[in-house]
Amino acid sequence: MKPGVKIEPYDKLLFMPVGRRYANIRSIGHKEERAVLSRLQQAVHRALPQFSYRELKDIKEFLHADCWRMPVPVTREEELYPQLMRPEMFLWQEHSAQRGLPIDESYFYGKIYSRLSAEGLHHHVSYVLKDYAFCAKLHRMKREYWLDQIYDAYSLHPFIELAKEKNHVVEAVEKMNRSSLLAVLKYPEDIAYWRHRVEIVMRPYRDIPAEWRWEMCTHEKELAVDGEALACSCPVCEYAVKYHVDEERIELREEPIMERTVKRIATIERQLNEIAAQSMNVVEALRDLQDVKRRLDTFSGKLERLVSLKDELAVEAPEVVRYYEQLKAVRLPVERVEPTLMSLSEVVLPDTKVLKAVQEWKTLEVSEAALDELLSEWTALLEANQPKPDDVMVEIEGYQVTRAEVERVEALLDETELTLTLHLLAQTLMGEPTNKVRTLGLHETAVFGMLGEWPEKYVVRAVKKLFKEKI
């Protein structure tokens, strides 16, 4: 965009046209507005000593001006806009020289500067100029540069580094906090206290969205100036961090006290280990479950097939199949179960009753020959129960309709586009070549005369019983 307009005698002000399709300023307002501008000019002169030569040079380059000036917005009516514009109006973006600057509330300060006292105006102008100096410094580098700086600083934040290092403990605590094992560990009051502490210890970890663990998410980010920091937010994750530019550090939404946080994550693990050590009966039962599960898993192929056959046949299964089915949903660590958070967090028990049942399961004898024999028996039973073409689907007074015959009729009903009534179908099956049967071509179908030897009343009953739902 072209530089703003310079108007004498306001050597420290740069007049900017605001409002779409307003790109030039020919003159400035009436006597009262010129008085406001004089006060504004004085406030700028008073604020100048706060800034270094480099800061003033940055602002000049930031605004594409020939010398250092503060922007003052002017409307289409060539009147002063009541609020000063924020430097974000120009940060990492260009505006059309023909269209003017947009009037968007987010790009203007809230205070109406003409109503401020001399001291109030001085403080406001100083605040505004500090924002311009900061944005001018940011503008020296591209937006992508600052995003890279924020990304790197996020990974180096002490809490993020700790969370990354202790991620296995964090995940174990969360899994254990939802585990059914807590209902059987000793003692209830210790468990209640531990869960209460979990809510406190896990708060800063839970505040970080999944996509930000333990690097920043890959979604598009929004950057906004916040004092002398950059607020970096992700609209998708609804999460934001603050980057302090001079300190090159990240401030999290919930900033934990690191010394306390380091101790807490170690303590929460130690407390669960102590609870588990008091519940060796549970640990031993889990070890027994591991042994039984390993033995049954040796025959998992045959047992899976038996479970499937049991469901298809709806028969009662022997103990070995029932136990295997119950253990399928159980998840246990590969290594021997130990009375520790890391070990017990890998245990998944849909029903803790298996901890008592395992005492009975321990004595279970598993014979591969017995499994093979049962497989053969159930397979033969399934085959015997398979539908056969000569299965009788309906019988009326000694007259029978087989499965094959029913399927032929169903094929006709599925394929034909004709609208058949029960009476018309009965005539076709009896082989009666009525005018309607012949007109519709039903006398040429494979089922014509299929029940020709049946009494008519029996045919009608059979048709109603077998095909009423399809017609």
Protein backbone atom coordinates (compact mmCIF):
# COMPACT_ATOMS: atom_id res chain seq x y z
CA MET A 1 0.00 0.00 0.00
CA LYS A 2 1.16 3.59 -0.61
CA PRO A 3 2.43 5.54 2.42
CA GLY A 4 -0.11 7.61 4.28
CA VAL A 5 -0.57 11.33 3.78
CA LYS A 6 1.69 13.90 5.46
CA ILE A 7 0.04 17.17 6.46
CA GLU A 8 1.85 20.14 7.94
CA PRO A 9 2.40 21.07 10.69
CA TYR A 10 1.89 17.51 12.02
CA ASP A 11 5.40 16.21 11.35
CA LYS A 12 4.98 13.15 13.62
CA LEU A 13 1.59 12.03 12.33
CA LEU A 14 0.83 9.93 9.26
CA PHE A 15 -2.78 10.19 8.09
CA MET A 16 -4.28 6.93 6.83
CA PRO A 17 -7.57 6.67 4.85
CA VAL A 18 -9.92 4.10 6.39
CA GLY A 19 -13.07 2.71 4.83
CA ARG A 20 -13.36 0.76 1.61
CA ARG A 21 -13.07 2.64 -1.72
CA TYR A 22 -11.49 5.59 0.05
CA ALA A 23 -7.82 5.76 -0.83
CA ASN A 24 -6.80 9.42 -0.53
CA ILE A 25 -7.01 12.37 1.86
CA ARG A 26 -7.27 15.86 0.38
CA SER A 27 -7.58 17.90 3.57
CA ILE A 28 -8.09 17.48 7.29
CA GLY A 29 -11.10 18.44 9.43
CA HIS A 30 -12.39 21.58 11.08
CA LYS A 31 -10.91 23.69 13.86
CA GLU A 32 -11.93 21.33 16.70
CA GLU A 33 -10.29 18.36 15.02
CA ARG A 34 -7.12 20.34 14.39
CA ALA A 35 -7.00 21.03 18.13
CA VAL A 36 -7.25 17.28 18.79
CA LEU A 37 -4.42 16.68 16.32
CA SER A 38 -2.24 19.26 18.08
CA ARG A 39 -2.74 17.44 21.38
CA LEU A 40 -1.98 14.13 19.65
CA GLN A 41 1.19 15.57 18.11
CA GLN A 42 2.35 16.78 21.54
CA ALA A 43 1.68 13.36 23.08
CA VAL A 44 3.76 11.68 20.36
CA HIS A 45 6.66 14.13 20.87
CA ARG A 46 6.51 13.46 24.61
CA ALA A 47 6.61 9.68 24.08
CA LEU A 48 9.55 9.66 21.63
CA PRO A 49 12.40 9.53 24.20
CA GLN A 50 11.17 6.08 25.31
CA PHE A 51 12.25 4.54 22.02
CA SER A 52 15.65 3.69 20.61
CA TYR A 53 16.88 4.74 17.19
CA ARG A 54 16.51 1.13 16.00
CA GLU A 55 12.89 0.97 17.17
CA LEU A 56 12.00 4.22 15.40
CA LYS A 57 13.78 3.04 12.25
CA ASP A 58 11.82 -0.25 12.37
CA ILE A 59 8.52 1.62 12.68
CA LYS A 60 9.41 3.87 9.72
CA GLU A 61 10.16 0.84 7.54
CA PHE A 62 7.11 -0.98 8.88
CA LEU A 63 4.84 1.86 7.67
CA HIS A 64 6.77 2.50 4.42
CA ALA A 65 7.20 6.12 5.54
CA ASP A 66 10.06 8.52 4.70
CA CYS A 67 10.51 9.41 8.37
CA TRP A 68 9.15 8.33 11.73
CA ARG A 69 5.43 9.08 12.21
CA MET A 70 2.42 7.63 14.07
CA PRO A 71 -0.58 6.54 11.95
CA VAL A 72 -3.84 8.47 12.41
CA PRO A 73 -6.97 7.09 10.69
CA VAL A 74 -9.20 9.44 8.66
CA THR A 75 -12.66 8.54 7.31
CA ARG A 76 -14.21 9.04 3.86
CA GLU A 77 -15.77 12.29 5.15
CA GLU A 78 -12.20 13.47 5.91
CA GLU A 79 -12.94 13.37 9.62
CA LEU A 80 -10.75 11.79 12.28
CA TYR A 81 -11.70 8.21 13.09
CA PRO A 82 -12.35 8.16 16.88
CA GLN A 83 -9.86 5.39 17.69
CA LEU A 84 -6.24 4.86 16.76
CA MET A 85 -5.47 1.86 14.58
CA ARG A 86 -3.60 -1.16 15.83
CA PRO A 87 -0.30 -2.11 14.15
CA GLU A 88 -1.74 -5.54 13.32
CA MET A 89 -3.45 -3.71 10.44
CA PHE A 90 -0.06 -3.82 8.66
CA LEU A 91 1.62 -6.86 10.21
CA TRP A 92 2.51 -9.44 7.51
CA GLN A 93 -0.17 -8.13 5.18
CA GLU A 94 -0.65 -5.64 2.37
CA HIS A 95 -3.72 -3.54 1.56
CA SER A 96 -4.87 -2.29 -1.80
CA ALA A 97 -3.84 1.31 -2.51
CA GLN A 98 -7.12 1.80 -4.37
CA ARG A 99 -9.45 0.38 -1.72
CA GLY A 100 -8.24 2.02 1.47
CA LEU A 101 -7.88 0.34 4.88
CA PRO A 102 -10.74 -1.80 6.25
CA ILE A 103 -12.81 -0.58 9.18
CA ASP A 104 -12.67 -3.67 11.38
CA GLU A 105 -13.04 -3.32 15.17
CA SER A 106 -10.25 -5.83 15.75
CA TYR A 107 -7.82 -3.43 14.05
CA PHE A 108 -8.60 -0.44 16.30
CA TYR A 109 -7.99 0.36 19.97
CA GLY A 110 -11.02 0.72 22.21
CA LYS A 111 -10.30 4.19 23.62
CA ILE A 112 -11.66 7.35 21.96
CA TYR A 113 -8.49 9.40 22.11
CA SER A 114 -10.14 12.83 21.72
CA ARG A 115 -11.85 12.39 25.11
CA LEU A 116 -8.67 11.63 27.06
CA SER A 117 -6.95 14.05 29.40
CA ALA A 118 -3.42 15.19 28.56
CA GLU A 119 -1.97 12.56 30.88
CA GLY A 120 -4.38 9.91 29.67
CA LEU A 121 -3.52 10.68 26.06
CA HIS A 122 0.19 10.48 26.85
CA HIS A 123 -0.20 7.02 28.39
CA HIS A 124 -2.42 5.83 25.54
CA VAL A 125 -0.02 7.08 22.84
CA SER A 126 2.94 5.51 24.66
CA TYR A 127 1.07 2.20 24.81
CA VAL A 128 0.17 2.40 21.11
CA LEU A 129 3.72 3.26 20.07
CA LYS A 130 5.11 0.35 22.08
CA ASP A 131 2.77 -1.93 20.14
CA TYR A 132 4.02 -0.41 16.87
CA ALA A 133 7.64 -0.88 17.92
CA PHE A 134 6.96 -4.51 18.81
CA CYS A 135 5.06 -5.25 15.58
CA ALA A 136 7.74 -3.49 13.55
CA LYS A 137 10.32 -5.78 15.15
CA LEU A 138 8.18 -8.82 14.30
CA HIS A 139 7.67 -7.57 10.75
CA ARG A 140 11.42 -7.70 10.07
CA MET A 141 11.00 -11.47 9.76
CA LYS A 142 8.32 -13.39 7.90
CA ARG A 143 5.36 -14.91 9.72
CA GLU A 144 6.70 -18.41 8.97
CA TYR A 145 9.94 -17.57 10.80
CA TRP A 146 8.06 -16.79 13.99
CA LEU A 147 5.96 -19.93 13.66
CA ASP A 148 9.19 -21.95 13.48
CA GLN A 149 10.51 -20.13 16.56
CA ILE A 150 7.29 -20.89 18.44
CA TYR A 151 7.37 -24.53 17.33
CA ASP A 152 10.95 -24.99 18.57
CA ALA A 153 10.32 -23.13 21.84
CA TYR A 154 7.24 -25.25 22.52
CA SER A 155 9.25 -28.48 22.30
CA LEU A 156 11.85 -26.97 24.67
CA HIS A 157 9.35 -25.90 27.32
CA PRO A 158 10.36 -27.65 30.58
CA PHE A 159 6.90 -29.13 31.12
CA ILE A 160 6.64 -30.40 27.53
CA GLU A 161 10.09 -31.98 27.87
CA LEU A 162 9.05 -33.60 31.16
CA ALA A 163 5.74 -34.81 29.71
CA LYS A 164 7.52 -36.31 26.71
CA GLU A 165 10.03 -38.08 28.95
CA LYS A 166 7.32 -39.32 31.33
CA ASN A 167 4.67 -40.01 28.70
CA HIS A 168 4.69 -43.74 29.51
CA VAL A 169 3.93 -42.92 33.16
CA VAL A 170 1.23 -40.39 32.22
CA GLU A 171 -0.52 -42.92 29.99
CA ALA A 172 -0.17 -45.65 32.61
CA VAL A 173 -1.74 -43.42 35.30
CA GLU A 174 -4.69 -42.58 33.03
CA LYS A 175 -5.26 -46.25 32.14
CA MET A 176 -4.94 -47.35 35.75
CA ASN A 177 -7.38 -44.65 36.86
CA ARG A 178 -10.02 -46.26 34.60
CA SER A 179 -9.07 -49.86 35.41
CA SER A 180 -11.50 -52.31 37.00
CA LEU A 181 -8.54 -53.55 39.07
CA LEU A 182 -8.94 -50.58 41.41
CA ALA A 183 -12.10 -52.25 42.75
CA VAL A 184 -10.12 -55.25 44.04
CA LEU A 185 -6.86 -53.64 45.20
CA LYS A 186 -6.28 -52.83 48.87
CA TYR A 187 -7.36 -50.64 50.55
CA PRO A 188 -10.45 -48.67 49.44
CA GLU A 189 -9.39 -45.55 51.34
CA ASP A 190 -5.91 -45.70 49.75
CA ILE A 191 -7.46 -46.08 46.30
CA ALA A 192 -9.81 -43.13 46.90
CA TYR A 193 -6.89 -40.93 47.99
CA TRP A 194 -4.79 -42.02 45.00
CA ARG A 195 -7.59 -41.19 42.55
CA HIS A 196 -8.05 -37.80 44.21
CA ARG A 197 -4.34 -37.09 43.74
CA VAL A 198 -4.53 -38.23 40.11
CA GLU A 199 -7.04 -35.45 39.36
CA ILE A 200 -4.57 -32.89 40.71
CA VAL A 201 -1.39 -34.34 39.21
CA MET A 202 -2.88 -34.96 35.76
CA ARG A 203 -4.48 -31.53 35.38
CA PRO A 204 -1.62 -29.87 33.42
CA TYR A 205 -1.16 -32.97 31.24
CA ARG A 206 -4.87 -33.18 30.46
CA ASP A 207 -4.95 -29.49 29.59
CA ILE A 208 -2.75 -30.22 26.56
CA PRO A 209 -4.89 -31.46 23.62
CA ALA A 210 -3.97 -34.82 22.11
CA GLU A 211 -2.70 -33.18 18.90
CA TRP A 212 -0.24 -31.08 20.95
CA ARG A 213 1.37 -34.01 22.80
CA TRP A 214 4.26 -33.39 22.87
CA GLU A 215 4.81 -31.29 19.78
CA MET A 216 2.62 -28.59 18.31
CA CYS A 217 -0.22 -29.75 16.10
CA THR A 218 0.04 -29.50 12.31
CA HIS A 219 -3.13 -27.41 11.76
CA GLU A 220 -3.06 -23.86 10.44
CA LYS A 221 -2.24 -21.40 13.25
CA GLU A 222 -3.46 -17.92 14.05
CA LEU A 223 -0.94 -15.39 15.40
CA ALA A 224 -2.02 -12.36 17.43
CA VAL A 225 -0.03 -9.73 19.30
CA ASP A 226 -0.46 -9.89 23.08
CA GLY A 227 1.59 -7.15 24.73
CA GLU A 228 5.20 -8.02 23.89
CA ALA A 229 4.31 -11.62 23.12
CA LEU A 230 2.74 -13.57 20.27
CA ALA A 231 -0.38 -15.60 20.99
CA CYS A 232 -0.34 -18.69 18.79
CA SER A 233 -3.70 -20.45 18.60
CA CYS A 234 -5.23 -23.38 16.76
CA PRO A 235 -8.96 -22.96 16.02
CA VAL A 236 -9.29 -26.70 15.33
CA CYS A 237 -7.81 -27.83 18.66
CA GLU A 238 -9.17 -24.76 20.51
CA TYR A 239 -5.81 -24.37 22.21
CA ALA A 240 -3.31 -21.51 22.39
CA VAL A 241 0.15 -20.75 23.76
CA LYS A 242 1.97 -17.46 24.23
CA TYR A 243 5.48 -16.86 22.86
CA HIS A 244 7.56 -14.25 24.69
CA VAL A 245 9.73 -12.87 21.91
CA ASP A 246 12.59 -11.31 23.92
CA GLU A 247 12.89 -14.34 26.22
CA GLU A 248 12.36 -16.85 23.39
CA ARG A 249 10.11 -18.93 25.62
CA ILE A 250 6.62 -20.40 25.52
CA GLU A 251 3.96 -19.80 28.16
CA LEU A 252 1.36 -22.57 28.34
CA ARG A 253 -2.32 -21.98 29.01
CA GLU A 254 -1.82 -23.67 32.38
CA GLU A 255 1.72 -23.01 33.48
CA PRO A 256 2.75 -25.58 36.13
CA ILE A 257 5.34 -25.07 38.85
CA MET A 258 8.07 -27.36 37.51
CA GLU A 259 9.76 -28.43 40.76
CA ARG A 260 6.41 -29.52 42.18
CA THR A 261 5.32 -31.12 38.90
CA VAL A 262 8.47 -33.28 38.68
CA LYS A 263 7.90 -34.54 42.22
CA ARG A 264 4.20 -35.19 41.69
CA ILE A 265 4.54 -37.48 38.68
CA ALA A 266 7.13 -39.56 40.56
CA THR A 267 4.97 -39.64 43.70
CA ILE A 268 1.78 -40.75 41.94
CA GLU A 269 3.65 -43.72 40.45
CA ARG A 270 5.25 -44.64 43.78
CA GLN A 271 1.90 -44.47 45.60
CA LEU A 272 0.28 -46.94 43.20
CA ASN A 273 3.28 -49.27 43.51
CA GLU A 274 2.80 -49.25 47.30
CA ILE A 275 -0.92 -50.00 46.91
CA ALA A 276 -0.14 -52.91 44.57
CA ALA A 277 2.42 -54.33 46.99
CA GLN A 278 -0.39 -54.66 49.56
CA SER A 279 -2.47 -56.69 47.08
CA MET A 280 -0.22 -59.62 46.20
CA ASN A 281 -3.27 -61.92 46.14
CA VAL A 282 -4.52 -59.98 43.11
CA VAL A 283 -1.07 -60.03 41.51
CA GLU A 284 -0.82 -63.81 42.01
CA ALA A 285 -4.28 -64.32 40.48
CA LEU A 286 -3.20 -62.27 37.46
CA ARG A 287 -0.09 -64.42 37.11
CA ASP A 288 -2.31 -67.52 37.18
CA LEU A 289 -4.44 -65.94 34.47
CA GLN A 290 -1.30 -65.43 32.40
CA ASP A 291 -0.45 -69.13 32.73
CA VAL A 292 -3.96 -70.30 31.77
CA LYS A 293 -4.15 -67.84 28.88
CA ARG A 294 -0.77 -68.98 27.53
CA ARG A 295 -1.87 -72.64 27.66
CA LEU A 296 -5.15 -71.94 25.88
CA ASP A 297 -3.51 -69.64 23.33
CA THR A 298 -1.46 -72.64 22.19
CA PHE A 299 -4.71 -74.08 20.83
CA SER A 300 -6.25 -70.75 19.79
CA GLY A 301 -6.91 -71.83 16.19
CA LYS A 302 -8.99 -74.86 17.20
CA LEU A 303 -10.68 -73.02 20.07
CA GLU A 304 -11.68 -70.10 17.82
CA ARG A 305 -13.32 -72.55 15.43
CA LEU A 306 -15.12 -74.26 18.31
CA VAL A 307 -16.45 -70.91 19.58
CA SER A 308 -17.77 -70.16 16.10
CA LEU A 309 -19.41 -73.60 15.78
CA LYS A 310 -20.95 -73.28 19.25
CA ASP A 311 -22.68 -70.06 18.20
CA GLU A 312 -23.89 -71.52 14.90
CA LEU A 313 -25.21 -74.70 16.50
CA ALA A 314 -26.48 -73.02 19.69
CA VAL A 315 -25.12 -75.90 21.77
CA GLU A 316 -23.66 -75.96 25.26
CA ALA A 317 -19.86 -75.87 25.17
CA PRO A 318 -17.41 -77.78 27.40
CA GLU A 319 -15.38 -75.94 30.03
CA VAL A 320 -12.29 -75.40 27.89
CA VAL A 321 -14.29 -73.53 25.23
CA ARG A 322 -16.18 -71.45 27.83
CA TYR A 323 -12.97 -70.49 29.63
CA TYR A 324 -11.25 -69.56 26.38
CA GLU A 325 -14.20 -67.39 25.40
CA GLN A 326 -14.11 -65.55 28.73
CA LEU A 327 -10.35 -65.03 28.48
CA LYS A 328 -10.50 -63.61 24.95
CA ALA A 329 -11.44 -60.17 26.25
CA VAL A 330 -8.73 -60.23 28.94
CA ARG A 331 -5.52 -58.29 28.16
CA LEU A 332 -2.36 -59.04 30.12
CA PRO A 333 1.24 -57.82 29.82
CA VAL A 334 3.70 -60.00 27.94
CA GLU A 335 6.08 -60.01 30.88
CA ARG A 336 5.22 -61.55 34.26
CA VAL A 337 2.74 -59.34 36.13
CA GLU A 338 4.44 -57.27 38.83
CA PRO A 339 2.97 -55.14 41.65
CA THR A 340 3.77 -51.89 39.81
CA LEU A 341 1.86 -49.16 38.01
CA MET A 342 3.57 -49.90 34.69
CA SER A 343 2.69 -53.60 34.84
CA LEU A 344 -0.87 -53.36 36.19
CA SER A 345 -1.82 -50.57 33.75
CA GLU A 346 -1.46 -53.11 30.93
CA VAL A 347 -4.13 -55.36 32.48
CA VAL A 348 -7.63 -55.18 31.00
CA LEU A 349 -10.32 -57.16 32.84
CA PRO A 350 -13.89 -56.68 31.58
CA ASP A 351 -15.02 -58.60 34.67
CA THR A 352 -12.94 -59.04 37.83
CA LYS A 353 -14.81 -62.30 38.57
CA VAL A 354 -12.17 -64.07 36.49
CA LEU A 355 -9.71 -63.48 39.35
CA LYS A 356 -11.71 -65.95 41.46
CA ALA A 357 -12.57 -68.27 38.59
CA VAL A 358 -8.91 -68.72 37.69
CA GLN A 359 -8.42 -70.92 40.76
CA GLU A 360 -10.70 -73.46 39.08
CA TRP A 361 -9.18 -72.90 35.63
CA LYS A 362 -5.66 -73.65 36.87
CA THR A 363 -6.48 -77.36 37.09
CA LEU A 364 -7.94 -77.48 33.58
CA GLU A 365 -6.46 -80.17 31.36
CA VAL A 366 -6.35 -79.29 27.67
CA SER A 367 -6.07 -82.21 25.26
CA GLU A 368 -5.48 -81.53 21.58
CA ALA A 369 -6.99 -84.93 20.74
CA ALA A 370 -10.17 -84.03 22.66
CA LEU A 371 -10.40 -80.71 20.81
CA ASP A 372 -9.98 -82.48 17.45
CA GLU A 373 -12.69 -84.98 18.37
CA LEU A 374 -15.10 -82.19 19.38
CA LEU A 375 -14.31 -80.29 16.17
CA SER A 376 -15.14 -83.36 14.08
CA GLU A 377 -18.36 -83.96 16.01
CA TRP A 378 -19.59 -80.35 15.74
CA THR A 379 -18.55 -80.05 12.09
CA ALA A 380 -20.55 -83.18 11.24
CA LEU A 381 -23.51 -81.85 13.23
CA LEU A 382 -23.34 -78.54 11.36
CA GLU A 383 -23.23 -80.30 8.01
CA ALA A 384 -26.20 -82.44 9.02
CA ASN A 385 -28.11 -79.28 9.83
CA GLN A 386 -27.32 -77.62 6.51
CA PRO A 387 -30.37 -76.99 4.28
CA LYS A 388 -30.96 -79.71 1.61
CA PRO A 389 -32.98 -79.53 -1.60
CA ASP A 390 -35.31 -82.34 -0.46
CA ASP A 391 -36.07 -80.76 2.94
CA VAL A 392 -39.86 -80.62 3.39
CA MET A 393 -40.89 -76.99 3.86
CA VAL A 394 -44.63 -77.62 4.23
CA GLU A 395 -46.85 -80.69 4.36
CA ILE A 396 -50.65 -80.71 4.02
CA GLU A 397 -52.54 -83.99 4.30
CA GLY A 398 -49.59 -85.97 2.95
CA TYR A 399 -48.79 -83.53 0.13
CA GLN A 400 -45.29 -82.03 0.46
CA VAL A 401 -43.42 -79.01 -0.92
CA THR A 402 -39.61 -79.37 -0.88
CA ARG A 403 -36.97 -76.67 -0.38
CA ALA A 404 -35.95 -76.92 -4.05
CA GLU A 405 -39.54 -76.29 -5.16
CA VAL A 406 -39.92 -73.32 -2.83
CA GLU A 407 -36.68 -71.81 -4.16
CA ARG A 408 -37.93 -72.15 -7.77
CA VAL A 409 -41.10 -70.24 -6.90
CA GLU A 410 -39.14 -67.59 -4.97
CA ALA A 411 -36.83 -67.15 -7.96
CA LEU A 412 -39.87 -66.44 -10.14
CA LEU A 413 -41.25 -63.91 -7.64
CA ASP A 414 -37.87 -62.16 -7.36
CA GLU A 415 -37.23 -61.98 -11.10
CA THR A 416 -40.68 -61.17 -12.52
CA GLU A 417 -41.92 -57.62 -12.91
CA LEU A 418 -45.51 -58.86 -12.90
CA THR A 419 -47.85 -58.19 -10.00
CA LEU A 420 -49.04 -61.64 -8.92
CA THR A 421 -51.91 -62.36 -6.56
CA LEU A 422 -52.03 -65.46 -4.34
CA HIS A 423 -54.89 -66.79 -6.48
CA LEU A 424 -52.98 -66.26 -9.74
CA LEU A 425 -49.89 -67.97 -8.31
CA ALA A 426 -52.02 -70.93 -7.12
CA GLN A 427 -53.50 -71.29 -10.65
CA THR A 428 -49.99 -71.27 -12.12
CA LEU A 429 -48.72 -73.93 -9.68
CA MET A 430 -51.76 -76.12 -10.39
CA GLY A 431 -51.11 -75.75 -14.13
CA GLU A 432 -54.44 -74.11 -15.05
CA PRO A 433 -53.96 -72.34 -18.45
CA THR A 434 -56.54 -69.59 -17.86
CA ASN A 435 -56.66 -66.55 -20.15
CA LYS A 436 -54.83 -64.39 -17.59
CA VAL A 437 -52.16 -67.06 -16.96
CA ARG A 438 -51.56 -67.34 -20.72
CA THR A 439 -51.71 -63.56 -21.31
CA LEU A 440 -49.02 -63.01 -18.66
CA GLY A 441 -46.92 -65.88 -20.02
CA LEU A 442 -47.04 -67.76 -16.72
CA HIS A 443 -47.78 -71.01 -18.55
CA GLU A 444 -44.21 -70.89 -19.89
CA THR A 445 -42.50 -70.58 -16.50
CA ALA A 446 -40.63 -73.42 -14.77
CA VAL A 447 -43.19 -73.61 -11.94
CA PHE A 448 -46.28 -73.98 -14.14
CA GLY A 449 -48.06 -77.18 -13.08
CA MET A 450 -45.54 -77.88 -10.29
CA LEU A 451 -48.38 -78.81 -7.89
CA GLY A 452 -50.67 -80.18 -10.59
CA GLU A 453 -51.47 -83.33 -8.62
CA TRP A 454 -52.58 -81.41 -5.52
CA PRO A 455 -56.23 -80.69 -4.66
CA GLU A 456 -56.93 -77.00 -5.28
CA LYS A 457 -57.77 -76.18 -1.65
CA TYR A 458 -54.42 -77.58 -0.48
CA VAL A 459 -52.52 -75.56 -3.09
CA VAL A 460 -54.17 -72.33 -1.90
CA ARG A 461 -53.26 -73.15 1.73
CA ALA A 462 -49.66 -73.94 0.79
CA VAL A 463 -49.29 -70.73 -1.24
CA LYS A 464 -50.65 -68.63 1.64
CA LYS A 465 -48.33 -70.30 4.12
CA LEU A 466 -45.16 -70.08 2.01
CA PHE A 467 -45.47 -66.95 -0.11
CA LYS A 468 -47.89 -64.57 1.60
CA GLU A 469 -45.01 -62.30 2.72
CA LYS A 470 -43.62 -62.04 -0.82
CA ILE A 471 -46.88 -61.12 -2.57
